[in-house]
Protein backbone atom coordinates (compact mmCIF):
# COMPACT_ATOMS: atom_id res chain seq x y z
CA MET A 1 74.55 42.36 19.18
CA SER A 2 77.74 42.53 17.13
CA GLU A 3 80.05 45.45 18.00
CA SER A 4 82.23 45.02 14.91
CA PRO A 5 82.49 48.01 12.54
CA PRO A 6 79.86 48.06 9.80
CA ILE A 7 80.64 46.21 6.59
CA LEU A 8 78.74 48.80 4.55
CA ALA A 9 77.50 52.23 5.58
CA LEU A 10 76.02 55.45 4.22
CA ALA A 11 77.28 58.67 5.77
CA SER A 12 75.04 61.75 5.45
CA VAL A 13 73.95 60.85 1.93
CA SER A 14 71.72 63.12 -0.16
CA LYS A 15 70.34 62.46 -3.65
CA ALA A 16 68.12 64.60 -5.87
CA PHE A 17 66.41 63.96 -9.20
CA GLY A 18 65.78 67.38 -10.67
CA ALA A 19 63.76 69.34 -8.12
CA VAL A 20 62.83 66.21 -6.18
CA ARG A 21 64.99 65.56 -3.11
CA ALA A 22 64.80 61.76 -2.82
CA LEU A 23 67.23 61.50 0.12
CA GLN A 24 68.41 64.21 2.51
CA ASP A 25 71.26 63.62 4.94
CA VAL A 26 70.59 59.90 5.44
CA SER A 27 72.96 57.60 7.35
CA LEU A 28 72.80 53.82 7.71
CA GLU A 29 75.10 51.12 9.09
CA LEU A 30 74.95 47.44 8.10
CA ARG A 31 76.91 45.15 10.43
CA GLY A 32 77.98 41.55 9.98
CA GLY A 33 75.81 39.05 11.83
CA GLU A 34 72.81 41.41 11.92
CA ILE A 35 69.51 41.69 10.06
CA HIS A 36 68.67 45.38 9.81
CA ALA A 37 65.22 46.61 8.74
CA LEU A 38 64.56 49.66 6.57
CA ALA A 39 61.10 51.11 7.21
CA GLY A 40 59.13 53.93 5.64
CA GLU A 41 56.07 54.68 3.56
CA ASN A 42 56.05 54.60 -0.23
CA GLY A 43 58.01 57.64 -1.35
CA ALA A 44 60.14 57.72 1.80
CA GLY A 45 63.33 57.11 -0.19
CA LYS A 46 63.90 53.40 0.43
CA SER A 47 64.30 52.50 -3.27
CA THR A 48 66.79 55.32 -3.86
CA LEU A 49 68.80 54.23 -0.83
CA VAL A 50 68.92 50.64 -2.11
CA LYS A 51 70.05 51.79 -5.54
CA ILE A 52 72.90 53.79 -4.00
CA LEU A 53 74.00 50.75 -1.98
CA ALA A 54 73.78 48.63 -5.15
CA GLY A 55 75.83 51.08 -7.24
CA VAL A 56 72.97 52.06 -9.55
CA HIS A 57 72.97 55.69 -8.31
CA ARG A 58 75.82 57.77 -6.89
CA PRO A 59 75.09 60.15 -4.02
CA ASP A 60 75.16 63.92 -4.65
CA GLU A 61 76.43 64.54 -1.12
CA GLY A 62 77.86 62.27 1.56
CA GLY A 63 79.40 58.94 0.79
CA VAL A 64 79.55 55.17 1.02
CA LEU A 65 81.86 53.48 3.52
CA LEU A 66 83.11 49.92 2.94
CA ASP A 67 84.73 48.34 5.99
CA GLY A 68 84.96 51.78 7.52
CA ARG A 69 86.76 53.41 4.57
CA PRO A 70 85.30 55.76 1.91
CA HIS A 71 84.46 53.88 -1.27
CA GLU A 72 82.84 54.80 -4.58
CA PHE A 73 80.67 52.43 -6.60
CA HIS A 74 80.89 53.39 -10.28
CA GLY A 75 78.17 50.90 -11.21
CA PRO A 76 76.36 47.74 -10.09
CA GLY A 77 79.39 45.66 -11.09
CA ASP A 78 81.54 47.53 -8.57
CA ALA A 79 79.01 46.89 -5.81
CA GLN A 80 78.82 43.19 -6.68
CA HIS A 81 82.62 42.96 -6.69
CA ALA A 82 82.62 44.54 -3.21
CA GLY A 83 80.21 41.85 -1.98
CA VAL A 84 76.86 43.66 -2.18
CA ALA A 85 73.86 41.76 -3.61
CA VAL A 86 70.21 42.76 -3.96
CA ILE A 87 67.42 40.17 -3.84
CA TYR A 88 64.35 41.69 -5.46
CA GLN A 89 60.68 40.82 -5.01
CA GLU A 90 60.53 39.24 -8.46
CA PRO A 91 63.97 38.02 -9.64
CA THR A 92 64.85 37.82 -13.33
CA LEU A 93 66.39 34.48 -14.30
CA PHE A 94 67.14 32.94 -17.69
CA PRO A 95 64.09 30.66 -17.97
CA ASP A 96 65.60 28.11 -20.37
CA LEU A 97 68.75 27.55 -18.32
CA SER A 98 69.06 25.28 -15.30
CA VAL A 99 69.27 26.50 -11.71
CA ALA A 100 73.02 25.78 -11.68
CA GLU A 101 73.61 27.57 -15.00
CA ASN A 102 71.76 30.64 -13.72
CA ILE A 103 73.87 30.75 -10.57
CA PHE A 104 77.22 30.47 -12.37
CA MET A 105 76.34 32.30 -15.59
CA GLY A 106 79.64 33.55 -17.07
CA ARG A 107 81.65 31.84 -14.33
CA GLN A 108 81.08 28.14 -15.06
CA PRO A 109 83.80 25.74 -13.93
CA ARG A 110 85.79 24.47 -16.92
CA ALA A 111 87.14 21.05 -17.81
CA ARG A 112 89.75 20.18 -20.46
CA PHE A 113 89.72 22.16 -23.70
CA GLY A 114 87.59 24.87 -22.09
CA ARG A 115 84.41 22.82 -21.93
CA ILE A 116 81.95 23.46 -19.09
CA ASP A 117 82.46 20.93 -16.28
CA ARG A 118 78.86 19.88 -15.70
CA ARG A 119 79.69 17.62 -12.77
CA ALA A 120 81.58 20.39 -10.96
CA LEU A 121 78.79 22.83 -11.78
CA ARG A 122 76.19 20.61 -10.13
CA ALA A 123 78.46 19.86 -7.17
CA GLU A 124 79.20 23.53 -6.48
CA THR A 125 75.50 24.39 -6.72
CA ALA A 126 74.57 21.57 -4.34
CA LYS A 127 77.13 22.90 -1.82
CA LEU A 128 75.54 26.34 -1.98
CA PHE A 129 72.06 25.00 -1.25
CA GLU A 130 73.46 22.81 1.52
CA ARG A 131 75.01 25.92 3.06
CA LEU A 132 71.61 27.65 2.87
CA GLY A 133 69.84 24.62 4.32
CA VAL A 134 67.41 24.18 1.41
CA ALA A 135 66.76 21.43 -1.13
CA LEU A 136 66.67 22.53 -4.77
CA ASP A 137 67.66 20.46 -7.81
CA PRO A 138 70.65 22.09 -9.60
CA ASP A 139 69.52 20.60 -12.93
CA ARG A 140 65.97 21.90 -12.73
CA PRO A 141 65.08 24.47 -15.42
CA ALA A 142 64.42 27.97 -14.08
CA ARG A 143 61.19 28.13 -16.06
CA GLY A 144 58.30 27.24 -13.78
CA LEU A 145 60.12 27.92 -10.50
CA SER A 146 58.02 29.66 -7.86
CA ILE A 147 58.95 33.21 -6.88
CA ALA A 148 60.26 31.78 -3.59
CA ASP A 149 62.57 29.33 -5.37
CA GLN A 150 63.74 32.03 -7.77
CA GLN A 151 64.75 34.15 -4.78
CA LEU A 152 66.72 31.22 -3.35
CA VAL A 153 68.57 30.90 -6.68
CA GLU A 154 69.45 34.61 -6.48
CA ILE A 155 70.66 34.20 -2.88
CA ALA A 156 72.78 31.21 -3.90
CA LYS A 157 74.20 33.27 -6.77
CA ALA A 158 75.06 36.05 -4.32
CA ILE A 159 76.93 33.82 -1.87
CA SER A 160 78.73 32.11 -4.77
CA ARG A 161 80.20 35.57 -5.41
CA ASP A 162 81.19 35.84 -1.74
CA ALA A 163 78.54 38.46 -1.01
CA ARG A 164 78.86 39.90 2.47
CA VAL A 165 75.85 42.24 2.26
CA LEU A 166 72.42 41.03 1.12
CA ILE A 167 69.66 43.54 0.53
CA MET A 168 66.20 41.92 0.51
CA ASP A 169 63.74 44.34 -1.09
CA GLU A 170 60.12 43.35 -0.35
CA PRO A 171 61.02 39.66 -0.76
CA THR A 172 57.89 38.26 0.89
CA ALA A 173 55.17 40.18 -0.99
CA ALA A 174 54.30 37.26 -3.29
CA LEU A 175 55.14 34.37 -0.93
CA SER A 176 52.93 32.00 1.05
CA GLY A 177 53.33 31.54 4.80
CA ASN A 178 55.49 28.43 4.42
CA GLU A 179 57.69 30.12 1.81
CA VAL A 180 58.18 33.12 4.08
CA ALA A 181 59.22 30.81 6.93
CA ARG A 182 61.77 29.11 4.64
CA LEU A 183 63.16 32.45 3.47
CA PHE A 184 63.51 33.63 7.07
CA ALA A 185 65.36 30.42 7.97
CA VAL A 186 67.81 31.10 5.11
CA ALA A 187 68.22 34.72 6.25
CA ARG A 188 69.02 33.60 9.80
CA THR A 189 71.53 31.05 8.47
CA LEU A 190 73.34 33.81 6.55
CA GLN A 191 73.21 36.02 9.64
CA GLU A 192 74.89 33.27 11.69
CA GLN A 193 77.57 33.01 8.97
CA GLY A 194 78.44 36.69 9.43
CA CYS A 195 76.59 38.33 6.56
CA ALA A 196 74.97 41.73 6.94
CA LEU A 197 71.34 41.77 5.77
CA LEU A 198 69.09 44.74 4.99
CA PHE A 199 65.41 43.73 5.04
CA ILE A 200 62.66 45.90 3.54
CA SER A 201 59.00 45.05 4.07
CA HIS A 202 55.65 46.77 4.56
CA ARG A 203 54.66 43.93 6.90
CA LEU A 204 55.55 45.16 10.36
CA GLU A 205 55.12 41.73 11.95
CA GLU A 206 57.91 40.43 9.67
CA ILE A 207 60.25 43.23 10.70
CA PHE A 208 59.70 42.47 14.38
CA ASP A 209 60.03 38.72 13.82
CA LEU A 210 63.25 38.78 11.80
CA CYS A 211 65.27 41.91 12.49
CA GLN A 212 67.36 43.29 15.34
CA ARG A 213 67.50 46.99 14.44
CA VAL A 214 65.42 49.29 12.25
CA THR A 215 66.22 52.51 10.42
CA THR A 216 63.19 54.64 9.55
CA LEU A 217 62.92 57.13 6.68
CA ARG A 218 60.18 59.69 6.12
CA ASP A 219 59.90 61.94 3.05
CA GLY A 220 63.52 61.19 2.15
CA ARG A 221 64.84 62.14 5.58
CA TYR A 222 66.52 60.03 8.24
CA ILE A 223 64.27 59.69 11.30
CA SER A 224 65.89 57.13 13.60
CA THR A 225 67.85 53.91 14.05
CA GLU A 226 66.68 51.82 16.99
CA GLU A 227 66.80 48.39 18.57
CA LEU A 228 63.55 46.57 17.84
CA ASP A 229 63.64 44.96 21.27
CA GLY A 230 61.39 47.22 23.34
CA LEU A 231 59.87 49.00 20.32
CA THR A 232 56.17 48.46 19.51
CA PRO A 233 54.47 48.40 16.10
CA ASP A 234 52.61 51.59 17.07
CA ASP A 235 55.94 53.28 17.84
CA LEU A 236 57.29 52.30 14.43
CA VAL A 237 54.14 53.45 12.62
CA GLN A 238 54.36 56.83 14.35
CA ARG A 239 57.94 57.28 13.16
CA MET A 240 57.05 56.23 9.60
CA VAL A 241 54.05 58.51 9.12
CA GLY A 242 55.00 61.37 11.46
CA ARG A 243 51.73 61.21 13.29
CA GLU A 244 49.72 58.76 15.30
CA LEU A 245 47.20 57.00 13.13
CA ASP A 246 43.78 57.23 14.76
CA THR A 247 43.57 53.57 13.96
CA LEU A 248 44.89 51.30 11.26
CA TYR A 249 41.46 49.65 11.08
CA PRO A 250 38.88 52.47 11.24
CA LYS A 251 35.83 50.21 11.20
CA GLN A 252 32.49 52.01 11.27
CA GLU A 253 29.68 50.25 13.05
CA THR A 254 26.83 49.65 10.61
CA THR A 255 23.50 47.87 10.64
CA PRO A 256 23.48 45.45 7.68
CA GLY A 257 20.53 45.73 5.34
CA GLU A 258 19.05 43.36 2.79
CA THR A 259 21.03 40.55 1.18
CA VAL A 260 22.72 41.87 -1.98
CA LEU A 261 25.00 38.97 -2.97
CA LYS A 262 23.94 35.36 -2.54
CA VAL A 263 26.23 32.48 -3.48
CA SER A 264 24.58 29.05 -3.47
CA ARG A 265 26.47 25.75 -3.50
CA LEU A 266 29.06 27.05 -5.93
CA THR A 267 31.33 24.29 -7.21
CA ARG A 268 34.23 24.11 -9.64
CA GLU A 269 35.63 20.61 -9.88
CA GLY A 270 39.07 20.29 -8.34
CA VAL A 271 39.12 23.90 -7.12
CA PHE A 272 36.26 24.56 -4.68
CA THR A 273 33.14 22.67 -3.61
CA ASP A 274 29.68 23.56 -2.29
CA VAL A 275 30.47 27.16 -1.30
CA SER A 276 27.44 29.08 0.01
CA PHE A 277 27.24 32.48 1.71
CA GLU A 278 25.51 35.86 1.63
CA VAL A 279 26.74 39.45 1.83
CA ARG A 280 24.32 42.16 2.94
CA ALA A 281 24.23 45.87 2.21
CA GLY A 282 26.52 47.80 4.57
CA GLU A 283 28.50 44.70 5.54
CA ILE A 284 32.16 43.80 5.12
CA VAL A 285 32.55 40.04 4.87
CA ALA A 286 36.10 38.67 4.84
CA LEU A 287 37.00 35.51 2.95
CA ALA A 288 40.01 34.12 4.81
CA GLY A 289 42.14 30.99 4.57
CA LEU A 290 45.59 29.80 3.62
CA VAL A 291 47.06 30.38 0.16
CA GLY A 292 45.58 27.77 -2.18
CA ALA A 293 42.35 27.37 -0.21
CA GLY A 294 40.30 28.61 -3.19
CA ARG A 295 39.41 32.15 -2.06
CA SER A 296 40.45 34.06 -5.19
CA GLU A 297 39.01 31.33 -7.40
CA VAL A 298 35.59 31.75 -5.76
CA ALA A 299 35.76 35.51 -6.37
CA ARG A 300 36.69 35.02 -10.03
CA ALA A 301 33.78 32.59 -10.45
CA ILE A 302 31.33 35.04 -8.87
CA PHE A 303 32.49 37.78 -11.25
CA GLY A 304 32.33 35.45 -14.25
CA VAL A 305 36.03 35.37 -15.10
CA ASP A 306 36.05 31.60 -14.50
CA ARG A 307 33.13 29.28 -15.17
CA TYR A 308 31.78 27.04 -12.43
CA ASP A 309 30.27 23.57 -12.73
CA ALA A 310 27.38 23.80 -10.28
CA GLY A 311 25.55 26.23 -8.02
CA GLY A 312 24.59 29.81 -8.69
CA VAL A 313 25.14 33.51 -7.95
CA GLU A 314 22.37 36.04 -7.29
CA VAL A 315 22.57 39.82 -7.00
CA ALA A 316 19.51 41.49 -5.48
CA ALA A 317 17.61 38.20 -5.96
CA ALA A 318 18.35 38.11 -9.71
CA LYS A 319 20.35 35.08 -10.89
CA LEU A 320 23.49 35.76 -12.91
CA PRO A 321 24.55 33.71 -15.92
CA ALA A 322 27.79 31.82 -15.36
CA GLY A 323 31.02 32.95 -16.99
CA SER A 324 29.96 36.47 -17.96
CA PRO A 325 31.86 39.43 -16.44
CA THR A 326 29.69 41.75 -18.53
CA ALA A 327 26.56 40.40 -16.86
CA ALA A 328 28.22 40.67 -13.44
CA MET A 329 29.13 44.31 -14.07
CA SER A 330 25.64 45.09 -15.34
CA ALA A 331 24.22 43.53 -12.16
CA GLY A 332 26.39 45.80 -10.01
CA ILE A 333 29.44 43.67 -9.12
CA ALA A 334 32.93 45.17 -9.16
CA LEU A 335 36.11 43.13 -8.76
CA VAL A 336 39.45 44.60 -7.63
CA PRO A 337 41.87 41.73 -8.44
CA GLU A 338 44.81 40.56 -6.36
CA ASP A 339 47.42 41.36 -9.02
CA ARG A 340 46.77 45.02 -9.78
CA ARG A 341 49.69 45.34 -12.20
CA GLN A 342 48.79 42.35 -14.41
CA GLN A 343 45.00 42.21 -14.05
CA GLY A 344 43.85 45.57 -12.71
CA LEU A 345 45.73 48.19 -14.72
CA VAL A 346 47.14 49.01 -18.13
CA MET A 347 50.57 50.02 -16.87
CA ASP A 348 51.51 52.01 -19.99
CA GLY A 349 48.14 53.80 -20.00
CA SER A 350 47.48 57.16 -18.37
CA ILE A 351 45.93 57.57 -14.93
CA GLU A 352 42.80 59.15 -16.41
CA ARG A 353 42.40 56.43 -19.06
CA ASN A 354 42.77 53.64 -16.49
CA ILE A 355 40.10 55.19 -14.27
CA GLY A 356 37.76 55.53 -17.24
CA LEU A 357 38.23 52.02 -18.68
CA THR A 358 35.05 50.64 -17.10
CA GLN A 359 32.99 53.61 -18.34
CA LEU A 360 34.12 54.04 -21.93
CA ARG A 361 30.56 53.93 -23.28
CA SER A 362 29.43 56.84 -21.10
CA LEU A 363 32.55 58.83 -22.03
CA ARG A 364 31.70 58.81 -25.73
CA ARG A 365 30.45 61.85 -27.53
CA GLY A 366 29.37 60.27 -30.78
CA PRO A 367 32.07 57.85 -31.94
CA ILE A 368 34.81 59.70 -30.03
CA ILE A 369 35.74 59.48 -26.36
CA SER A 370 35.58 62.93 -24.78
CA ARG A 371 38.97 63.66 -23.23
CA LYS A 372 37.44 66.46 -21.15
CA VAL A 373 34.77 64.22 -19.63
CA GLU A 374 37.36 61.50 -19.05
CA ARG A 375 39.72 63.94 -17.33
CA ASP A 376 36.98 65.57 -15.24
CA ARG A 377 35.76 62.21 -13.94
CA ALA A 378 39.30 61.08 -13.19
CA ALA A 379 40.03 64.33 -11.36
CA ASP A 380 36.88 63.88 -9.27
CA TRP A 381 37.89 60.38 -8.21
CA ALA A 382 41.48 61.48 -7.59
CA ILE A 383 40.17 64.02 -5.07
CA ARG A 384 37.75 61.58 -3.45
CA LEU A 385 40.42 58.92 -2.99
CA GLN A 386 43.21 61.38 -2.11
CA LEU A 387 45.31 60.16 -5.03
CA LYS A 388 48.89 61.50 -5.14
CA TYR A 389 50.09 62.22 -8.68
CA ALA A 390 51.78 64.88 -10.82
CA ARG A 391 49.49 64.87 -13.89
CA LEU A 392 46.49 62.74 -14.79
CA SER A 393 48.09 62.21 -18.21
CA ASP A 394 51.08 60.46 -16.59
CA THR A 395 51.27 56.70 -17.00
CA VAL A 396 49.93 54.76 -14.04
CA GLY A 397 53.26 52.92 -13.87
CA VAL A 398 54.96 55.96 -12.28
CA LEU A 399 52.66 55.84 -9.24
CA SER A 400 53.48 54.16 -5.96
CA GLY A 401 51.84 50.82 -5.21
CA GLY A 402 49.30 52.40 -2.89
CA ASN A 403 48.27 55.00 -5.47
CA GLN A 404 48.03 52.33 -8.16
CA GLN A 405 45.61 50.48 -5.88
CA LYS A 406 43.56 53.67 -5.53
CA VAL A 407 43.36 53.94 -9.34
CA VAL A 408 42.00 50.37 -9.53
CA LEU A 409 39.45 51.21 -6.82
CA ALA A 410 38.47 54.40 -8.66
CA LYS A 411 38.03 52.47 -11.90
CA TRP A 412 35.54 50.13 -10.28
CA LEU A 413 33.82 52.52 -7.88
CA SER A 414 33.00 54.75 -10.87
CA THR A 415 30.62 51.99 -12.02
CA ASP A 416 28.50 52.68 -8.91
CA PRO A 417 28.47 49.01 -7.83
CA SER A 418 26.23 47.43 -5.21
CA VAL A 419 28.81 44.68 -4.50
CA LEU A 420 32.53 45.32 -4.25
CA ILE A 421 34.89 42.31 -4.24
CA VAL A 422 38.42 43.29 -3.19
CA ASP A 423 41.18 40.67 -3.34
CA GLU A 424 44.17 41.50 -1.09
CA PRO A 425 43.29 45.22 -0.99
CA THR A 426 46.45 46.37 0.83
CA ARG A 427 49.12 43.94 -0.37
CA GLY A 428 52.42 45.69 -1.02
CA ILE A 429 51.35 49.17 0.16
CA ASP A 430 52.66 51.13 3.11
CA VAL A 431 51.02 51.45 6.49
CA GLY A 432 49.72 54.98 5.99
CA THR A 433 48.03 54.09 2.70
CA LYS A 434 46.67 50.90 4.29
CA ALA A 435 44.83 53.05 6.81
CA GLU A 436 43.41 55.17 3.95
CA VAL A 437 42.19 52.08 2.04
CA HIS A 438 40.63 50.67 5.22
CA ARG A 439 38.92 54.01 5.88
CA LEU A 440 37.55 54.02 2.34
CA LEU A 441 36.18 50.46 2.61
CA SER A 442 34.56 51.30 5.92
CA GLU A 443 32.98 54.46 4.50
CA LEU A 444 31.68 52.57 1.46
CA ALA A 445 30.09 49.94 3.69
CA GLY A 446 28.60 52.75 5.77
CA GLN A 447 27.00 54.08 2.58
CA GLY A 448 25.34 50.71 1.98
CA LEU A 449 27.83 48.93 -0.28
CA ALA A 450 28.17 45.17 0.20
CA VAL A 451 31.90 44.38 0.48
CA LEU A 452 33.51 40.95 0.06
CA MET A 453 37.15 41.25 1.13
CA ILE A 454 39.72 38.51 0.47
CA SER A 455 42.82 38.91 2.60
CA SER A 456 45.82 36.92 3.84
CA ASP A 457 46.53 39.66 6.40
CA LEU A 458 44.94 38.27 9.57
CA PRO A 459 45.00 41.58 11.51
CA GLU A 460 43.23 43.18 8.53
CA VAL A 461 40.58 40.45 8.55
CA LEU A 462 40.00 40.81 12.28
CA GLY A 463 40.06 44.60 12.17
CA MET A 464 37.71 45.19 9.23
CA ALA A 465 35.25 42.28 8.89
CA ASP A 466 31.72 42.06 10.28
CA ARG A 467 31.86 38.32 9.56
CA VAL A 468 34.73 36.04 8.63
CA LEU A 469 34.22 33.15 6.20
CA VAL A 470 37.13 30.72 6.39
CA MET A 471 38.02 28.37 3.55
CA HIS A 472 40.04 25.16 3.89
CA GLU A 473 41.01 23.05 0.88
CA GLY A 474 38.28 24.42 -1.37
CA ARG A 475 35.44 24.24 1.16
CA LEU A 476 33.87 26.75 3.49
CA ALA A 477 35.10 25.55 6.88
CA ALA A 478 33.60 28.16 9.22
CA GLU A 479 31.56 31.34 9.49
CA ILE A 480 32.72 33.41 12.46
CA PRO A 481 30.96 36.59 13.68
CA ARG A 482 33.13 39.61 14.47
CA ALA A 483 32.72 39.18 18.23
CA GLU A 484 34.14 35.64 18.11
CA ALA A 485 36.84 36.17 15.47
CA THR A 486 40.36 35.80 16.86
CA GLU A 487 43.64 34.68 15.35
CA GLU A 488 43.11 31.31 17.05
CA THR A 489 39.57 30.72 15.77
CA VAL A 490 40.37 31.80 12.20
CA MET A 491 43.61 29.79 11.97
CA ALA A 492 41.92 26.75 13.50
CA ALA A 493 39.37 26.73 10.67
CA ALA A 494 41.97 27.62 8.02
CA THR A 495 44.13 24.64 8.96
CA GLY A 496 41.24 22.19 9.31
CA ARG A 497 41.33 22.01 13.11
CA THR A 498 38.43 22.46 15.49
CA ARG A 499 38.35 25.41 17.84
CA GLN A 500 38.85 23.03 20.76
CA GLU A 501 42.02 21.66 19.13
CA ALA A 502 43.32 25.21 18.60
CA ALA A 503 42.73 26.01 22.25
């Protein structure tokens, strides 16, 4: 571990927004040659801390130290000039410019008469990617780049400005397994080159895989800074939530009832083929597999968002027409989509309106929607799902990711479904809220709901599912009962290997 003084540090920093104390007496040290994790639940103060390091906010008390000396950032430009760069979950690039132009925007190398030196621009960009150990075409337009490639462009931009501190804020939330591995390789390369990295993620396994130390915040307060070597995930969870979770996967034992959802030989050309399975009342069935295996596409076809070419879907033995979400809803199917912000919520709408969107007809009193009925129903669901909010009239965009997910669940559970399809139910939410969502799914199954859960989180699949259906390249590769489901058996099927090969 490096013993050099920290490049960037916070010393007893506090920050308030009105009556809300976002940070209280928080200290943090970022050292060269180290990847340091920042852990905490939603609302713990991580975003405020990042914004202070990035020069967006100034602390009310305490201060920032740069190379051991007090330093004030009067804005993001000051922080960038000092060598601090933030890599966000979803970068914002100029889509019509090339990769190279995005990296050197406003700083392009010049040839005679002030013209941009295109050859030098490409050469400098190529050097940056060579330093990072990745292959990306400098002339490629930014439009159409994956999130992972956009993040690499932002990292290249940062090191082109001689950044010494990189803050990676939830960078893996939208990435596939291979993209995460590539990002981690880049992070380790920068670590070896002496950069200080701050890594923020809700995925504990990533923190333990990548980082050397971790600082934990809870309710805006500093809890601890520790070496990860010798620390366990349970230890870290306890520090984050201030209590020991009874279990992250509170699975109730149930006796499955009659078949509620039956999918027969469902096929959509070029996407998935001959997919058949059943989900019974009181059962949680997980649909697992690698990104691109066709899991979400199957769910969308079942719900009628996408049409399929062959096969059929039955709910309670009644066949559904293809391509009709209205018919699926009427039959008792609810779909919580993977992308809650784009597909599950109206971000500018109020909490109460979002919860009531699936029940507008029953909220009407004549031609007018009754605000009182809408608010009363929303308040009831807010209590049942332990939603944390200030006012139901607030826009849903002000809520944390976990509470936004609860609003989506409330919207669909208010339809009293018999089948609940949840796609990545805990993506991007903190560990405490994950446990609450898992508890809710388990309780719903205990009450007789048939649950089809799509998840890329293998521990979640193993912890919550009664059966695991594994897809590989658009086909159902295996059906594994809970007693036989392990990381090895699921990954063997997901990668097209046999269980014997995995062993």
